[in-house]
Amino acid sequence: MTPLLAASAKGQCDELRALIAQGADLHATNADGNNALWLAAANGSLETMQALIDAGVSVNHRNPDGATALIYASSAGKADAVALLLQSGADPSLETVDGFTARDLAANVECLTLLREPRDRPCSDVADAARPIV
């Protein structure tokens, strides 16, 4: 594991920023094929995640199973991480090799709500929505 990956996994943001400033490889992955952003999401450090995003790490990196940081965060119920990743351009339509998206694997209502497409959200007044137009 590279020093950047280790700092990401531990949420050591100051060390991470120093490594980035020294030119650390933002494309490095661990033995499982996960990048620094995935490891920071697993740690739950939003500050570390933001530093990596600001440095240009791929928000849509996929490990050999097709999982992204967004898929992981959603499946682990980390709503704050899901929100940050979506705001940073993570693609919620990407699928694992088994065909599951972050939405399919959402571990809680907060993550599911963040991942719902606007057309999937219920109307504020169901009665008005069901009433025929005359």
N, C-alpha and C. Protein backbone atom coordinates (compact mmCIF):
# COMPACT_ATOMS: atom_id res chain seq x y z
N MET A 1 0.86 -1.18 0.00
CA MET A 1 0.00 0.00 0.00
C MET A 1 0.90 1.23 0.00
N THR A 2 0.58 2.15 -0.88
CA THR A 2 1.38 3.38 -0.96
C THR A 2 1.09 4.28 0.23
N PRO A 3 1.98 5.23 0.53
CA PRO A 3 1.72 6.18 1.62
C PRO A 3 0.42 6.96 1.40
N LEU A 4 0.09 7.30 0.16
CA LEU A 4 -1.15 8.03 -0.12
C LEU A 4 -2.36 7.16 0.22
N LEU A 5 -2.32 5.92 -0.17
CA LEU A 5 -3.44 5.02 0.14
C LEU A 5 -3.56 4.83 1.65
N ALA A 6 -2.44 4.68 2.33
CA ALA A 6 -2.47 4.50 3.79
C ALA A 6 -3.05 5.74 4.48
N ALA A 7 -2.63 6.91 4.06
CA ALA A 7 -3.15 8.15 4.65
C ALA A 7 -4.65 8.29 4.38
N SER A 8 -5.07 7.88 3.20
CA SER A 8 -6.50 7.94 2.85
C SER A 8 -7.30 6.99 3.73
N ALA A 9 -6.79 5.78 3.90
CA ALA A 9 -7.49 4.77 4.69
C ALA A 9 -7.59 5.17 6.16
N LYS A 10 -6.61 5.93 6.63
CA LYS A 10 -6.59 6.35 8.04
C LYS A 10 -7.22 7.72 8.26
N GLY A 11 -7.60 8.40 7.18
CA GLY A 11 -8.18 9.73 7.32
C GLY A 11 -7.18 10.77 7.79
N GLN A 12 -5.93 10.59 7.45
CA GLN A 12 -4.86 11.51 7.85
C GLN A 12 -4.73 12.60 6.79
N CYS A 13 -5.58 13.59 6.91
CA CYS A 13 -5.71 14.60 5.85
C CYS A 13 -4.46 15.46 5.70
N ASP A 14 -3.83 15.87 6.78
CA ASP A 14 -2.62 16.70 6.67
C ASP A 14 -1.51 15.93 5.95
N GLU A 15 -1.32 14.68 6.33
CA GLU A 15 -0.31 13.85 5.66
C GLU A 15 -0.68 13.65 4.20
N LEU A 16 -1.95 13.43 3.93
CA LEU A 16 -2.43 13.25 2.57
C LEU A 16 -2.12 14.47 1.71
N ARG A 17 -2.42 15.66 2.24
CA ARG A 17 -2.16 16.88 1.47
C ARG A 17 -0.66 17.05 1.18
N ALA A 18 0.17 16.69 2.15
CA ALA A 18 1.62 16.78 1.94
C ALA A 18 2.05 15.80 0.85
N LEU A 19 1.52 14.61 0.87
CA LEU A 19 1.86 13.62 -0.15
C LEU A 19 1.40 14.07 -1.53
N ILE A 20 0.23 14.66 -1.61
CA ILE A 20 -0.28 15.18 -2.88
C ILE A 20 0.64 16.29 -3.39
N ALA A 21 1.04 17.18 -2.49
CA ALA A 21 1.93 18.28 -2.87
C ALA A 21 3.28 17.77 -3.37
N GLN A 22 3.69 16.60 -2.87
CA GLN A 22 4.95 15.99 -3.29
C GLN A 22 4.80 15.16 -4.57
N GLY A 23 3.59 15.12 -5.11
CA GLY A 23 3.37 14.43 -6.38
C GLY A 23 2.97 12.97 -6.27
N ALA A 24 2.36 12.59 -5.17
CA ALA A 24 1.92 11.20 -5.01
C ALA A 24 1.01 10.79 -6.16
N ASP A 25 1.07 9.52 -6.51
CA ASP A 25 0.27 8.96 -7.61
C ASP A 25 -1.19 8.85 -7.20
N LEU A 26 -2.03 9.68 -7.78
CA LEU A 26 -3.46 9.68 -7.47
C LEU A 26 -4.20 8.49 -8.10
N HIS A 27 -3.52 7.77 -8.97
CA HIS A 27 -4.15 6.63 -9.65
C HIS A 27 -3.79 5.30 -9.00
N ALA A 28 -3.02 5.34 -7.92
CA ALA A 28 -2.62 4.10 -7.24
C ALA A 28 -3.84 3.38 -6.67
N THR A 29 -3.75 2.07 -6.63
CA THR A 29 -4.81 1.25 -6.04
C THR A 29 -4.19 0.24 -5.08
N ASN A 30 -5.01 -0.26 -4.16
CA ASN A 30 -4.54 -1.29 -3.24
C ASN A 30 -4.68 -2.67 -3.91
N ALA A 31 -4.39 -3.72 -3.16
CA ALA A 31 -4.43 -5.08 -3.71
C ALA A 31 -5.83 -5.47 -4.20
N ASP A 32 -6.87 -4.81 -3.67
CA ASP A 32 -8.24 -5.10 -4.09
C ASP A 32 -8.69 -4.23 -5.27
N GLY A 33 -7.81 -3.34 -5.73
CA GLY A 33 -8.14 -2.48 -6.86
C GLY A 33 -8.88 -1.21 -6.47
N ASN A 34 -8.92 -0.90 -5.19
CA ASN A 34 -9.61 0.31 -4.73
C ASN A 34 -8.65 1.49 -4.70
N ASN A 35 -9.14 2.65 -5.12
CA ASN A 35 -8.30 3.84 -5.10
C ASN A 35 -8.39 4.57 -3.76
N ALA A 36 -7.66 5.66 -3.65
CA ALA A 36 -7.59 6.42 -2.40
C ALA A 36 -8.96 6.96 -1.99
N LEU A 37 -9.77 7.36 -2.96
CA LEU A 37 -11.10 7.89 -2.63
C LEU A 37 -11.98 6.81 -2.01
N TRP A 38 -11.93 5.61 -2.54
CA TRP A 38 -12.69 4.49 -1.97
C TRP A 38 -12.26 4.26 -0.53
N LEU A 39 -10.94 4.28 -0.28
CA LEU A 39 -10.43 4.05 1.08
C LEU A 39 -10.84 5.17 2.02
N ALA A 40 -10.83 6.40 1.53
CA ALA A 40 -11.27 7.53 2.36
C ALA A 40 -12.76 7.42 2.66
N ALA A 41 -13.54 6.97 1.70
CA ALA A 41 -14.98 6.77 1.92
C ALA A 41 -15.20 5.68 2.97
N ALA A 42 -14.41 4.62 2.90
CA ALA A 42 -14.53 3.55 3.88
C ALA A 42 -14.20 4.06 5.28
N ASN A 43 -13.23 4.97 5.37
CA ASN A 43 -12.86 5.57 6.65
C ASN A 43 -13.93 6.55 7.13
N GLY A 44 -14.64 7.14 6.18
CA GLY A 44 -15.68 8.12 6.53
C GLY A 44 -15.18 9.53 6.69
N SER A 45 -13.94 9.79 6.28
CA SER A 45 -13.37 11.14 6.41
C SER A 45 -13.76 12.00 5.21
N LEU A 46 -14.75 12.85 5.41
CA LEU A 46 -15.18 13.75 4.34
C LEU A 46 -14.08 14.74 3.96
N GLU A 47 -13.31 15.17 4.94
CA GLU A 47 -12.21 16.10 4.67
C GLU A 47 -11.17 15.44 3.76
N THR A 48 -10.84 14.19 4.03
CA THR A 48 -9.89 13.46 3.20
C THR A 48 -10.47 13.23 1.81
N MET A 49 -11.72 12.87 1.74
CA MET A 49 -12.37 12.68 0.45
C MET A 49 -12.32 13.97 -0.37
N GLN A 50 -12.65 15.10 0.26
CA GLN A 50 -12.66 16.38 -0.45
C GLN A 50 -11.26 16.74 -0.93
N ALA A 51 -10.25 16.50 -0.11
CA ALA A 51 -8.87 16.79 -0.52
C ALA A 51 -8.49 15.97 -1.75
N LEU A 52 -8.88 14.71 -1.77
CA LEU A 52 -8.59 13.86 -2.93
C LEU A 52 -9.35 14.32 -4.17
N ILE A 53 -10.60 14.67 -4.00
CA ILE A 53 -11.41 15.16 -5.12
C ILE A 53 -10.80 16.45 -5.67
N ASP A 54 -10.43 17.36 -4.77
CA ASP A 54 -9.81 18.62 -5.18
C ASP A 54 -8.50 18.39 -5.93
N ALA A 55 -7.79 17.33 -5.57
CA ALA A 55 -6.51 17.01 -6.21
C ALA A 55 -6.70 16.34 -7.57
N GLY A 56 -7.92 15.88 -7.85
CA GLY A 56 -8.20 15.30 -9.16
C GLY A 56 -8.32 13.79 -9.21
N VAL A 57 -8.46 13.14 -8.06
CA VAL A 57 -8.65 11.70 -8.08
C VAL A 57 -9.96 11.36 -8.78
N SER A 58 -10.00 10.23 -9.46
CA SER A 58 -11.20 9.84 -10.19
C SER A 58 -12.33 9.48 -9.23
N VAL A 59 -13.47 10.17 -9.37
CA VAL A 59 -14.63 9.86 -8.52
C VAL A 59 -15.39 8.65 -9.05
N ASN A 60 -15.07 8.22 -10.25
CA ASN A 60 -15.76 7.07 -10.84
C ASN A 60 -14.85 5.86 -11.05
N HIS A 61 -13.73 5.82 -10.34
CA HIS A 61 -12.83 4.67 -10.44
C HIS A 61 -13.59 3.41 -10.02
N ARG A 62 -13.40 2.35 -10.80
CA ARG A 62 -14.08 1.08 -10.51
C ARG A 62 -13.03 0.02 -10.18
N ASN A 63 -13.26 -0.72 -9.11
CA ASN A 63 -12.36 -1.82 -8.77
C ASN A 63 -12.72 -3.02 -9.66
N PRO A 64 -12.00 -4.13 -9.56
CA PRO A 64 -12.30 -5.28 -10.44
C PRO A 64 -13.73 -5.82 -10.32
N ASP A 65 -14.39 -5.56 -9.21
CA ASP A 65 -15.79 -5.97 -9.06
C ASP A 65 -16.76 -4.94 -9.60
N GLY A 66 -16.22 -3.84 -10.13
CA GLY A 66 -17.05 -2.78 -10.67
C GLY A 66 -17.50 -1.76 -9.65
N ALA A 67 -17.14 -1.97 -8.39
CA ALA A 67 -17.58 -1.05 -7.33
C ALA A 67 -16.81 0.26 -7.38
N THR A 68 -17.54 1.34 -7.15
CA THR A 68 -16.97 2.67 -7.05
C THR A 68 -17.06 3.12 -5.59
N ALA A 69 -16.44 4.25 -5.29
CA ALA A 69 -16.56 4.81 -3.94
C ALA A 69 -18.02 5.09 -3.62
N LEU A 70 -18.79 5.54 -4.61
CA LEU A 70 -20.22 5.81 -4.40
C LEU A 70 -20.98 4.53 -4.06
N ILE A 71 -20.71 3.47 -4.79
CA ILE A 71 -21.37 2.20 -4.52
C ILE A 71 -21.02 1.73 -3.11
N TYR A 72 -19.74 1.82 -2.77
CA TYR A 72 -19.34 1.42 -1.41
C TYR A 72 -20.04 2.27 -0.36
N ALA A 73 -19.96 3.59 -0.50
CA ALA A 73 -20.53 4.48 0.52
C ALA A 73 -22.03 4.23 0.69
N SER A 74 -22.73 4.04 -0.40
CA SER A 74 -24.16 3.78 -0.34
C SER A 74 -24.44 2.45 0.36
N SER A 75 -23.70 1.42 0.01
CA SER A 75 -23.93 0.10 0.60
C SER A 75 -23.55 0.07 2.08
N ALA A 76 -22.69 1.00 2.51
CA ALA A 76 -22.29 1.08 3.91
C ALA A 76 -23.14 2.07 4.70
N GLY A 77 -24.10 2.73 4.03
CA GLY A 77 -24.98 3.67 4.72
C GLY A 77 -24.33 4.98 5.09
N LYS A 78 -23.31 5.39 4.34
CA LYS A 78 -22.58 6.62 4.63
C LYS A 78 -23.17 7.77 3.80
N ALA A 79 -24.28 8.30 4.27
CA ALA A 79 -25.03 9.30 3.50
C ALA A 79 -24.23 10.56 3.24
N ASP A 80 -23.43 11.02 4.20
CA ASP A 80 -22.63 12.23 3.97
C ASP A 80 -21.63 12.00 2.84
N ALA A 81 -21.03 10.82 2.80
CA ALA A 81 -20.09 10.50 1.73
C ALA A 81 -20.82 10.39 0.39
N VAL A 82 -22.00 9.79 0.39
CA VAL A 82 -22.81 9.69 -0.83
C VAL A 82 -23.11 11.10 -1.36
N ALA A 83 -23.53 11.99 -0.49
CA ALA A 83 -23.85 13.36 -0.91
C ALA A 83 -22.63 14.05 -1.50
N LEU A 84 -21.49 13.93 -0.84
CA LEU A 84 -20.26 14.56 -1.34
C LEU A 84 -19.88 13.99 -2.70
N LEU A 85 -19.94 12.69 -2.86
CA LEU A 85 -19.58 12.08 -4.13
C LEU A 85 -20.53 12.49 -5.25
N LEU A 86 -21.81 12.53 -4.98
CA LEU A 86 -22.77 12.97 -6.00
C LEU A 86 -22.52 14.43 -6.39
N GLN A 87 -22.27 15.28 -5.39
CA GLN A 87 -21.98 16.70 -5.67
C GLN A 87 -20.70 16.86 -6.48
N SER A 88 -19.82 15.88 -6.38
CA SER A 88 -18.52 15.95 -7.05
C SER A 88 -18.53 15.24 -8.40
N GLY A 89 -19.68 14.80 -8.84
CA GLY A 89 -19.80 14.23 -10.18
C GLY A 89 -19.76 12.72 -10.27
N ALA A 90 -19.85 12.02 -9.15
CA ALA A 90 -19.88 10.55 -9.21
C ALA A 90 -21.13 10.10 -9.98
N ASP A 91 -20.96 9.09 -10.79
CA ASP A 91 -22.03 8.60 -11.66
C ASP A 91 -22.85 7.53 -10.93
N PRO A 92 -24.09 7.84 -10.57
CA PRO A 92 -24.89 6.85 -9.85
C PRO A 92 -25.40 5.70 -10.72
N SER A 93 -25.21 5.79 -12.03
CA SER A 93 -25.69 4.71 -12.91
C SER A 93 -24.67 3.60 -13.11
N LEU A 94 -23.44 3.78 -12.64
CA LEU A 94 -22.44 2.72 -12.80
C LEU A 94 -22.86 1.50 -12.00
N GLU A 95 -22.54 0.33 -12.54
CA GLU A 95 -22.95 -0.94 -11.94
C GLU A 95 -21.75 -1.80 -11.58
N THR A 96 -21.94 -2.63 -10.57
CA THR A 96 -20.95 -3.66 -10.26
C THR A 96 -21.01 -4.72 -11.34
N VAL A 97 -20.08 -5.67 -11.30
CA VAL A 97 -20.10 -6.74 -12.29
C VAL A 97 -21.37 -7.59 -12.17
N ASP A 98 -22.03 -7.52 -11.03
CA ASP A 98 -23.28 -8.25 -10.83
C ASP A 98 -24.51 -7.44 -11.22
N GLY A 99 -24.28 -6.22 -11.74
CA GLY A 99 -25.39 -5.41 -12.22
C GLY A 99 -26.07 -4.54 -11.18
N PHE A 100 -25.45 -4.30 -10.05
CA PHE A 100 -26.05 -3.48 -9.00
C PHE A 100 -25.47 -2.07 -9.00
N THR A 101 -26.35 -1.08 -8.86
CA THR A 101 -25.93 0.31 -8.75
C THR A 101 -25.87 0.71 -7.28
N ALA A 102 -25.38 1.91 -7.03
CA ALA A 102 -25.36 2.43 -5.66
C ALA A 102 -26.77 2.49 -5.09
N ARG A 103 -27.71 2.83 -5.93
CA ARG A 103 -29.11 2.89 -5.48
C ARG A 103 -29.63 1.50 -5.09
N ASP A 104 -29.30 0.50 -5.89
CA ASP A 104 -29.73 -0.87 -5.59
C ASP A 104 -29.20 -1.35 -4.25
N LEU A 105 -28.02 -0.90 -3.90
CA LEU A 105 -27.34 -1.38 -2.70
C LEU A 105 -27.46 -0.43 -1.52
N ALA A 106 -28.27 0.62 -1.65
CA ALA A 106 -28.40 1.61 -0.57
C ALA A 106 -28.77 0.92 0.74
N ALA A 107 -28.00 1.22 1.79
CA ALA A 107 -28.17 0.55 3.08
C ALA A 107 -29.17 1.24 3.99
N ASN A 108 -29.56 2.46 3.63
CA ASN A 108 -30.53 3.16 4.49
C ASN A 108 -31.33 4.15 3.65
N VAL A 109 -32.36 4.69 4.27
CA VAL A 109 -33.27 5.61 3.57
C VAL A 109 -32.54 6.88 3.15
N GLU A 110 -31.60 7.36 3.96
CA GLU A 110 -30.88 8.59 3.61
C GLU A 110 -30.11 8.41 2.31
N CYS A 111 -29.41 7.30 2.18
CA CYS A 111 -28.67 7.05 0.94
C CYS A 111 -29.63 6.86 -0.24
N LEU A 112 -30.68 6.11 -0.03
CA LEU A 112 -31.66 5.89 -1.09
C LEU A 112 -32.26 7.21 -1.56
N THR A 113 -32.61 8.07 -0.64
CA THR A 113 -33.19 9.36 -0.99
C THR A 113 -32.22 10.19 -1.82
N LEU A 114 -30.96 10.20 -1.44
CA LEU A 114 -29.95 10.95 -2.20
C LEU A 114 -29.79 10.41 -3.62
N LEU A 115 -29.97 9.11 -3.78
CA LEU A 115 -29.74 8.47 -5.07
C LEU A 115 -30.97 8.39 -5.97
N ARG A 116 -32.11 8.75 -5.44
CA ARG A 116 -33.33 8.70 -6.26
C ARG A 116 -33.27 9.78 -7.32
N GLU A 117 -33.69 9.42 -8.50
CA GLU A 117 -33.76 10.39 -9.59
C GLU A 117 -34.98 11.27 -9.37
N PRO A 118 -34.92 12.52 -9.81
CA PRO A 118 -36.06 13.42 -9.59
C PRO A 118 -37.39 12.85 -10.07
N ARG A 119 -37.40 12.11 -11.16
CA ARG A 119 -38.67 11.55 -11.65
C ARG A 119 -39.22 10.47 -10.74
N ASP A 120 -38.37 9.94 -9.86
CA ASP A 120 -38.81 8.89 -8.94
C ASP A 120 -39.38 9.46 -7.64
N ARG A 121 -39.22 10.74 -7.44
CA ARG A 121 -39.71 11.33 -6.19
C ARG A 121 -41.21 11.53 -6.28
N PRO A 122 -41.93 11.24 -5.20
CA PRO A 122 -43.39 11.38 -5.22
C PRO A 122 -43.81 12.83 -5.35
N CYS A 123 -44.96 13.03 -5.97
CA CYS A 123 -45.53 14.38 -6.07
C CYS A 123 -45.89 14.87 -4.67
N SER A 124 -45.82 16.18 -4.48
CA SER A 124 -46.14 16.71 -3.15
C SER A 124 -47.63 16.57 -2.86
N ASP A 125 -48.45 16.55 -3.90
CA ASP A 125 -49.88 16.37 -3.69
C ASP A 125 -50.35 15.26 -4.61
N VAL A 126 -50.40 14.06 -4.08
CA VAL A 126 -50.76 12.89 -4.89
C VAL A 126 -52.16 13.02 -5.45
N ALA A 127 -53.06 13.62 -4.69
CA ALA A 127 -54.45 13.77 -5.17
C ALA A 127 -54.48 14.63 -6.42
N ASP A 128 -53.74 15.72 -6.44
CA ASP A 128 -53.70 16.58 -7.63
C ASP A 128 -53.05 15.87 -8.80
N ALA A 129 -52.03 15.07 -8.52
CA ALA A 129 -51.33 14.37 -9.58
C ALA A 129 -52.21 13.30 -10.21
N ALA A 130 -53.11 12.72 -9.44
CA ALA A 130 -53.97 11.65 -9.95
C ALA A 130 -55.24 12.18 -10.61
N ARG A 131 -55.57 13.46 -10.37
CA ARG A 131 -56.79 14.04 -10.90
C ARG A 131 -56.64 14.27 -12.41
N PRO A 132 -57.59 13.81 -13.22
CA PRO A 132 -57.51 14.02 -14.67
C PRO A 132 -57.60 15.50 -15.04
N ILE A 133 -56.89 15.84 -16.10
CA ILE A 133 -56.94 17.22 -16.59
C ILE A 133 -58.16 17.37 -17.48
N VAL A 134 -58.98 18.40 -17.24
CA VAL A 134 -60.22 18.60 -17.99
C VAL A 134 -60.06 19.74 -18.95
